[in-house]
Amino acid sequence: MSSIYESIGLNTVESNAASQANTKKSNDALSQEDFLSLLTTQLSYQDPTQPVENAEMVSQLAQLNMVDSLATINNSIDSLSSQLTSQQALMASSMVGTEVRLSSATGYFDGVQSSQFVIDAGDGAEDMVLTITNEAGAVVNTINIGSGEGELNLYWDGTDSSGETVPPGDYTYSVNGRQNGVNNDLSVFAYGKVTSVTLGNGVNDSILNLVGGGTMSVSEVKNFG
């Protein structure tokens, strides 16, 4: 299975640890056959003059039934977890090569392709001004956007205020606009391109690996394409 995942840009998580855990589980688990063998051995060695009481026998059989039920539940949970992991892997694999909306306003510019971001202007905003800062916090460009409402999907071409292309790196977008006569800082979300996926283990989410070294959980994805 790992070779199939690797062919679509996926990396498995803790596969070796999972294999060791399964081996330990198979060695340590007390099966139904083991329990019956122990019970049979106990009965064969009991004192004929003091046989096992009916209540004790019933109790032991009840324990056997409980062990069997727990084993069935554990198998069902393992099966469900495996199905969920497979579904998540398929969904995550479809994101490789696409742009996903991040939970922050900081995105990576690769020095070539325009960088996407989205502004949430709500019911409407006027005189919006976009400010772009680099990793050091220095302003590299300020752009007048004008008016708009709702979600505004825009692209920055990676140039500074002089029209020169900035070097690759993380850049942060901030937007201020007037809403109902009051200047407000608007919500901005950057996008990142998915290069590969690190699969989860059924408990932890799969992780999207982004251009520039960033990561995000699959469950955090709100929009991609």
Foldseek 3Di string as FASTA:
>chain_A
DQVVQVVLFEAEDCPVVVVVVVVVCVVPDQDLVNLVVVVVVCQVPDDPVDHDDPVVVVVSVVVSVVSVVVVVVVVVLVVVLVVVLVVLSVVLSVQAQKKFWDPFQKEKDQQAAWWKKKWAQAAKFAQKKKWKAFPVRDTFAIDGDGMDHGIDIDTHRQHGNVRHHDHIHMMGIWMWTADPNRIDITGMITIFHFNHWYGDDSPAAIWTATPPGDIDGPVRTDDMD
